[in-house]
Amino acid sequence: MWSDVDAATWELKHSGTPNTDCQPSFTSVAGKVKHGMFSADECKTSLTENADGITLDYEFKIQVSASGSPTFPYDHEYTITCTYIREKQGLQASFLTQHSVTETGTGE
């Protein structure tokens, strides 16, 4: 069973104090990690205004720090970039963090 401790290790990196709203949920059947719905303004790593002045790129980073089952150590960060049209306000986002590893956890 995935626990709150597991969720905390998958929290989206962002400036400021830890925010439980930026933590994911887990699907019990497939064992997948799902981020959302969360406030893009609160949980983003960076925000870039594009040259067209109409769209914004929100960047989200996840650094997994857990070890052992059911989460296991990773040697990289996930980075997700989402482009949104400026007209929207109160932006929320969601995504699935997918991974595939061997029994050794090396991905080889």
N, C-alpha and C. Protein backbone atom coordinates (compact mmCIF):
# COMPACT_ATOMS: atom_id res chain seq x y z
N MET A 1 0.84 -1.19 0.00
CA MET A 1 0.00 0.00 0.00
C MET A 1 0.88 1.25 0.00
N TRP A 2 0.60 2.17 -0.91
CA TRP A 2 1.33 3.43 -0.98
C TRP A 2 0.87 4.31 0.18
N SER A 3 1.80 5.00 0.79
CA SER A 3 1.46 5.78 1.97
C SER A 3 1.75 7.27 1.76
N ASP A 4 1.39 8.08 2.75
CA ASP A 4 1.68 9.51 2.70
C ASP A 4 3.18 9.76 2.66
N VAL A 5 3.95 8.88 3.29
CA VAL A 5 5.41 9.01 3.26
C VAL A 5 5.91 8.85 1.84
N ASP A 6 5.37 7.88 1.09
CA ASP A 6 5.75 7.69 -0.31
C ASP A 6 5.39 8.92 -1.13
N ALA A 7 4.20 9.46 -0.90
CA ALA A 7 3.77 10.64 -1.65
C ALA A 7 4.71 11.81 -1.42
N ALA A 8 5.17 11.99 -0.19
CA ALA A 8 6.06 13.10 0.13
C ALA A 8 7.37 12.99 -0.63
N THR A 9 7.84 11.78 -0.91
CA THR A 9 9.11 11.63 -1.61
C THR A 9 9.00 11.96 -3.09
N TRP A 10 7.78 12.01 -3.61
CA TRP A 10 7.55 12.34 -5.02
C TRP A 10 7.07 13.77 -5.19
N GLU A 11 7.16 14.59 -4.16
CA GLU A 11 6.63 15.95 -4.23
C GLU A 11 7.29 16.76 -5.33
N LEU A 12 6.51 17.59 -6.00
CA LEU A 12 7.05 18.48 -7.02
C LEU A 12 8.00 19.48 -6.36
N LYS A 13 9.16 19.66 -6.96
CA LYS A 13 10.11 20.63 -6.43
C LYS A 13 9.60 22.04 -6.72
N HIS A 14 9.69 22.91 -5.74
CA HIS A 14 9.29 24.30 -5.93
C HIS A 14 9.92 25.12 -4.82
N SER A 15 9.95 26.42 -5.02
CA SER A 15 10.53 27.28 -3.99
C SER A 15 9.53 27.42 -2.85
N GLY A 16 10.04 27.70 -1.67
CA GLY A 16 9.16 27.87 -0.53
C GLY A 16 9.10 26.61 0.32
N THR A 17 8.17 26.61 1.25
CA THR A 17 8.04 25.49 2.17
C THR A 17 7.32 24.32 1.50
N PRO A 18 7.51 23.10 2.01
CA PRO A 18 6.81 21.94 1.44
C PRO A 18 5.30 22.18 1.41
N ASN A 19 4.67 21.70 0.37
CA ASN A 19 3.25 21.93 0.16
C ASN A 19 2.59 20.60 -0.18
N THR A 20 1.74 20.11 0.70
CA THR A 20 1.09 18.81 0.47
C THR A 20 0.22 18.83 -0.79
N ASP A 21 -0.21 20.03 -1.23
CA ASP A 21 -1.00 20.12 -2.45
C ASP A 21 -0.17 19.78 -3.69
N CYS A 22 1.16 19.78 -3.56
CA CYS A 22 2.04 19.46 -4.68
C CYS A 22 2.46 17.99 -4.67
N GLN A 23 1.93 17.21 -3.73
CA GLN A 23 2.24 15.79 -3.67
C GLN A 23 1.29 15.02 -4.57
N PRO A 24 1.72 13.85 -5.05
CA PRO A 24 0.89 13.06 -5.95
C PRO A 24 -0.06 12.13 -5.22
N SER A 25 -0.86 11.43 -6.00
CA SER A 25 -1.64 10.31 -5.50
C SER A 25 -1.12 9.06 -6.20
N PHE A 26 -1.49 7.91 -5.68
CA PHE A 26 -1.04 6.65 -6.26
C PHE A 26 -2.23 5.80 -6.65
N THR A 27 -2.16 5.16 -7.82
CA THR A 27 -3.21 4.22 -8.19
C THR A 27 -2.84 2.87 -7.59
N SER A 28 -3.75 2.31 -6.82
CA SER A 28 -3.43 1.08 -6.09
C SER A 28 -3.30 -0.13 -7.01
N VAL A 29 -4.03 -0.14 -8.13
CA VAL A 29 -4.00 -1.29 -9.02
C VAL A 29 -2.74 -1.29 -9.88
N ALA A 30 -2.49 -0.21 -10.59
CA ALA A 30 -1.36 -0.15 -11.52
C ALA A 30 -0.08 0.33 -10.86
N GLY A 31 -0.17 0.87 -9.65
CA GLY A 31 1.01 1.37 -8.97
C GLY A 31 1.62 2.58 -9.65
N LYS A 32 0.79 3.39 -10.32
CA LYS A 32 1.30 4.58 -11.02
C LYS A 32 1.21 5.80 -10.12
N VAL A 33 2.07 6.75 -10.39
CA VAL A 33 2.10 8.01 -9.66
C VAL A 33 1.35 9.05 -10.48
N LYS A 34 0.38 9.75 -9.87
CA LYS A 34 -0.38 10.77 -10.59
C LYS A 34 -0.27 12.10 -9.85
N HIS A 35 0.16 13.13 -10.57
CA HIS A 35 0.17 14.49 -10.03
C HIS A 35 -1.03 15.23 -10.58
N GLY A 36 -1.89 15.76 -9.72
CA GLY A 36 -3.00 16.57 -10.17
C GLY A 36 -4.26 16.27 -9.40
N MET A 37 -5.20 17.15 -9.46
CA MET A 37 -5.11 18.51 -9.98
C MET A 37 -4.39 19.38 -8.95
N PHE A 38 -3.40 20.12 -9.38
CA PHE A 38 -2.67 21.01 -8.49
C PHE A 38 -2.58 22.38 -9.13
N SER A 39 -2.31 23.38 -8.30
CA SER A 39 -2.18 24.74 -8.79
C SER A 39 -0.82 24.91 -9.45
N ALA A 40 -0.82 25.23 -10.73
CA ALA A 40 0.43 25.40 -11.46
C ALA A 40 1.24 26.55 -10.89
N ASP A 41 0.58 27.60 -10.40
CA ASP A 41 1.30 28.73 -9.83
C ASP A 41 2.06 28.35 -8.56
N GLU A 42 1.52 27.44 -7.77
CA GLU A 42 2.15 27.07 -6.50
C GLU A 42 3.20 25.98 -6.65
N CYS A 43 3.03 25.08 -7.60
CA CYS A 43 3.87 23.89 -7.67
C CYS A 43 4.91 23.91 -8.79
N LYS A 44 4.99 24.98 -9.54
CA LYS A 44 5.92 25.05 -10.67
C LYS A 44 7.36 25.20 -10.19
N THR A 45 8.31 24.78 -11.03
CA THR A 45 9.72 25.03 -10.80
C THR A 45 10.12 26.35 -11.45
N SER A 46 9.62 26.59 -12.66
CA SER A 46 9.89 27.86 -13.35
C SER A 46 8.74 28.19 -14.29
N LEU A 47 8.70 29.44 -14.71
CA LEU A 47 7.67 29.93 -15.61
C LEU A 47 8.33 30.83 -16.64
N THR A 48 8.07 30.57 -17.92
CA THR A 48 8.68 31.34 -19.00
C THR A 48 7.59 31.91 -19.91
N GLU A 49 7.66 33.21 -20.17
CA GLU A 49 6.74 33.81 -21.13
C GLU A 49 7.36 33.67 -22.51
N ASN A 50 6.62 33.10 -23.46
CA ASN A 50 7.14 32.87 -24.80
C ASN A 50 7.16 34.16 -25.62
N ALA A 51 7.94 34.16 -26.68
CA ALA A 51 8.13 35.34 -27.53
C ALA A 51 6.83 35.85 -28.12
N ASP A 52 5.86 34.94 -28.33
CA ASP A 52 4.59 35.37 -28.91
C ASP A 52 3.74 36.19 -27.94
N GLY A 53 4.12 36.19 -26.66
CA GLY A 53 3.38 36.95 -25.66
C GLY A 53 2.03 36.36 -25.31
N ILE A 54 1.68 35.24 -25.91
CA ILE A 54 0.37 34.63 -25.70
C ILE A 54 0.46 33.38 -24.84
N THR A 55 1.56 32.64 -24.96
CA THR A 55 1.67 31.37 -24.25
C THR A 55 2.74 31.42 -23.16
N LEU A 56 2.54 30.59 -22.15
CA LEU A 56 3.46 30.47 -21.02
C LEU A 56 3.90 29.02 -20.90
N ASP A 57 5.18 28.80 -20.60
CA ASP A 57 5.69 27.46 -20.34
C ASP A 57 5.90 27.28 -18.84
N TYR A 58 5.16 26.36 -18.26
CA TYR A 58 5.34 26.00 -16.86
C TYR A 58 6.23 24.77 -16.81
N GLU A 59 7.24 24.78 -15.96
CA GLU A 59 8.11 23.61 -15.82
C GLU A 59 7.93 23.03 -14.43
N PHE A 60 7.79 21.71 -14.39
CA PHE A 60 7.62 20.99 -13.13
C PHE A 60 8.74 19.96 -13.02
N LYS A 61 9.35 19.84 -11.85
CA LYS A 61 10.40 18.85 -11.65
C LYS A 61 10.06 17.99 -10.45
N ILE A 62 10.36 16.71 -10.61
CA ILE A 62 10.14 15.75 -9.53
C ILE A 62 11.47 15.07 -9.26
N GLN A 63 11.87 15.06 -8.00
CA GLN A 63 13.07 14.33 -7.63
C GLN A 63 12.65 13.26 -6.63
N VAL A 64 12.83 12.01 -7.00
CA VAL A 64 12.41 10.91 -6.14
C VAL A 64 13.52 10.62 -5.15
N SER A 65 13.19 10.66 -3.87
CA SER A 65 14.20 10.45 -2.85
C SER A 65 13.96 9.20 -2.01
N ALA A 66 12.92 8.44 -2.35
CA ALA A 66 12.58 7.25 -1.58
C ALA A 66 13.48 6.08 -1.94
N SER A 67 13.59 5.15 -1.04
CA SER A 67 14.29 3.90 -1.33
C SER A 67 13.47 2.76 -0.74
N GLY A 68 13.61 1.58 -1.31
CA GLY A 68 12.85 0.44 -0.83
C GLY A 68 11.50 0.34 -1.51
N SER A 69 10.71 -0.62 -1.12
CA SER A 69 9.41 -0.88 -1.71
C SER A 69 8.34 -0.07 -0.99
N PRO A 70 7.30 0.44 -1.67
CA PRO A 70 7.00 0.25 -3.08
C PRO A 70 7.68 1.26 -3.99
N THR A 71 8.22 2.35 -3.43
CA THR A 71 9.01 3.24 -4.28
C THR A 71 10.45 2.80 -4.21
N PHE A 72 11.23 3.16 -5.19
CA PHE A 72 12.62 2.73 -5.23
C PHE A 72 13.49 3.85 -5.76
N PRO A 73 14.82 3.80 -5.51
CA PRO A 73 15.66 4.92 -5.84
C PRO A 73 15.80 5.16 -7.33
N TYR A 74 15.92 6.42 -7.71
CA TYR A 74 16.16 6.82 -9.09
C TYR A 74 17.43 7.66 -9.13
N ASP A 75 18.08 7.67 -10.28
CA ASP A 75 19.29 8.47 -10.41
C ASP A 75 19.07 9.66 -11.33
N HIS A 76 17.83 10.08 -11.50
CA HIS A 76 17.53 11.22 -12.36
C HIS A 76 16.27 11.91 -11.88
N GLU A 77 16.03 13.10 -12.40
CA GLU A 77 14.80 13.83 -12.11
C GLU A 77 13.86 13.74 -13.30
N TYR A 78 12.58 13.81 -13.03
CA TYR A 78 11.59 13.96 -14.09
C TYR A 78 11.40 15.46 -14.31
N THR A 79 11.36 15.89 -15.55
CA THR A 79 11.06 17.29 -15.87
C THR A 79 9.91 17.30 -16.87
N ILE A 80 8.87 18.03 -16.55
CA ILE A 80 7.69 18.13 -17.41
C ILE A 80 7.48 19.60 -17.74
N THR A 81 7.36 19.91 -19.02
CA THR A 81 7.07 21.29 -19.44
C THR A 81 5.71 21.32 -20.11
N CYS A 82 4.84 22.21 -19.64
CA CYS A 82 3.50 22.35 -20.19
C CYS A 82 3.32 23.77 -20.72
N THR A 83 2.77 23.90 -21.92
CA THR A 83 2.53 25.21 -22.52
C THR A 83 1.04 25.55 -22.42
N TYR A 84 0.75 26.74 -21.93
CA TYR A 84 -0.64 27.16 -21.74
C TYR A 84 -0.87 28.52 -22.39
N ILE A 85 -2.10 28.75 -22.84
CA ILE A 85 -2.50 30.04 -23.40
C ILE A 85 -2.75 31.01 -22.25
N ARG A 86 -2.22 32.21 -22.38
CA ARG A 86 -2.26 33.21 -21.32
C ARG A 86 -3.67 33.58 -20.86
N GLU A 87 -4.68 33.42 -21.67
CA GLU A 87 -6.03 33.87 -21.34
C GLU A 87 -6.61 33.16 -20.13
N LYS A 88 -6.15 31.97 -19.84
CA LYS A 88 -6.71 31.19 -18.73
C LYS A 88 -6.18 31.70 -17.40
N GLN A 89 -7.03 31.66 -16.35
CA GLN A 89 -6.60 32.04 -15.01
C GLN A 89 -6.95 30.91 -14.07
N GLY A 90 -6.27 30.87 -12.91
CA GLY A 90 -6.50 29.80 -11.96
C GLY A 90 -6.12 28.45 -12.54
N LEU A 91 -4.98 28.42 -13.21
CA LEU A 91 -4.56 27.23 -13.95
C LEU A 91 -4.31 26.04 -13.05
N GLN A 92 -4.85 24.88 -13.44
CA GLN A 92 -4.55 23.63 -12.77
C GLN A 92 -3.98 22.66 -13.78
N ALA A 93 -3.16 21.73 -13.30
CA ALA A 93 -2.52 20.77 -14.20
C ALA A 93 -2.52 19.39 -13.56
N SER A 94 -2.30 18.37 -14.39
CA SER A 94 -2.15 17.01 -13.89
C SER A 94 -1.38 16.20 -14.91
N PHE A 95 -0.67 15.18 -14.45
CA PHE A 95 0.04 14.28 -15.35
C PHE A 95 0.41 13.01 -14.61
N LEU A 96 0.67 11.96 -15.39
CA LEU A 96 1.14 10.68 -14.85
C LEU A 96 2.64 10.59 -15.03
N THR A 97 3.34 10.25 -13.97
CA THR A 97 4.78 10.01 -14.06
C THR A 97 4.96 8.53 -14.35
N GLN A 98 5.43 8.18 -15.55
CA GLN A 98 5.56 6.78 -15.93
C GLN A 98 7.03 6.38 -15.91
N HIS A 99 7.26 5.13 -15.56
CA HIS A 99 8.62 4.62 -15.52
C HIS A 99 8.63 3.14 -15.84
N SER A 100 9.77 2.65 -16.25
CA SER A 100 9.93 1.23 -16.53
C SER A 100 11.34 0.83 -16.13
N VAL A 101 11.43 -0.08 -15.20
CA VAL A 101 12.75 -0.53 -14.75
C VAL A 101 12.79 -2.05 -14.70
N THR A 102 14.00 -2.59 -14.67
CA THR A 102 14.16 -4.04 -14.54
C THR A 102 14.10 -4.40 -13.07
N GLU A 103 14.20 -5.68 -12.76
CA GLU A 103 14.17 -6.12 -11.38
C GLU A 103 15.32 -5.52 -10.57
N THR A 104 16.41 -5.18 -11.23
CA THR A 104 17.55 -4.60 -10.51
C THR A 104 17.35 -3.12 -10.27
N GLY A 105 16.35 -2.51 -10.94
CA GLY A 105 16.10 -1.10 -10.77
C GLY A 105 17.05 -0.22 -11.55
N THR A 106 17.83 -0.78 -12.44
CA THR A 106 18.82 0.02 -13.17
C THR A 106 18.28 0.55 -14.48
N GLY A 107 17.18 -0.01 -14.98
CA GLY A 107 16.64 0.42 -16.26
C GLY A 107 17.39 -0.16 -17.43
N GLU A 108 18.32 -1.07 -17.19
CA GLU A 108 19.11 -1.67 -18.27
C GLU A 108 18.47 -2.96 -18.75
